[in-house]
């Protein structure tokens, strides 16, 4: 089932309720500084399990103890409720 993209005002309203996340390159973005590579890798593994359960996968990168995550819904052509749902679950891990 296709999920629609959110309007700019809906995105801004939901961002106000999502600590640490911002808009970057038209996507939800957050940087996590986890201290070392082992912690970053473990965090990414936990996020991967969540993403797989939701069938909604992040765009991300890892350098040593830093993980950058971008969320967008490609099928919707923008940010959807699925991105905010995954971002909230990611925040709960950290």
Foldseek 3Di string as FASTA:
>chain_A
DFFAADDPVVVVVLVVVQPQWDDDPQWIKHKDQQPFQVRQVVLVVVLVVVCVVVVADWDWDDDTRMIMTTHADVSNVGRGVSRSVSSVVSVVVD
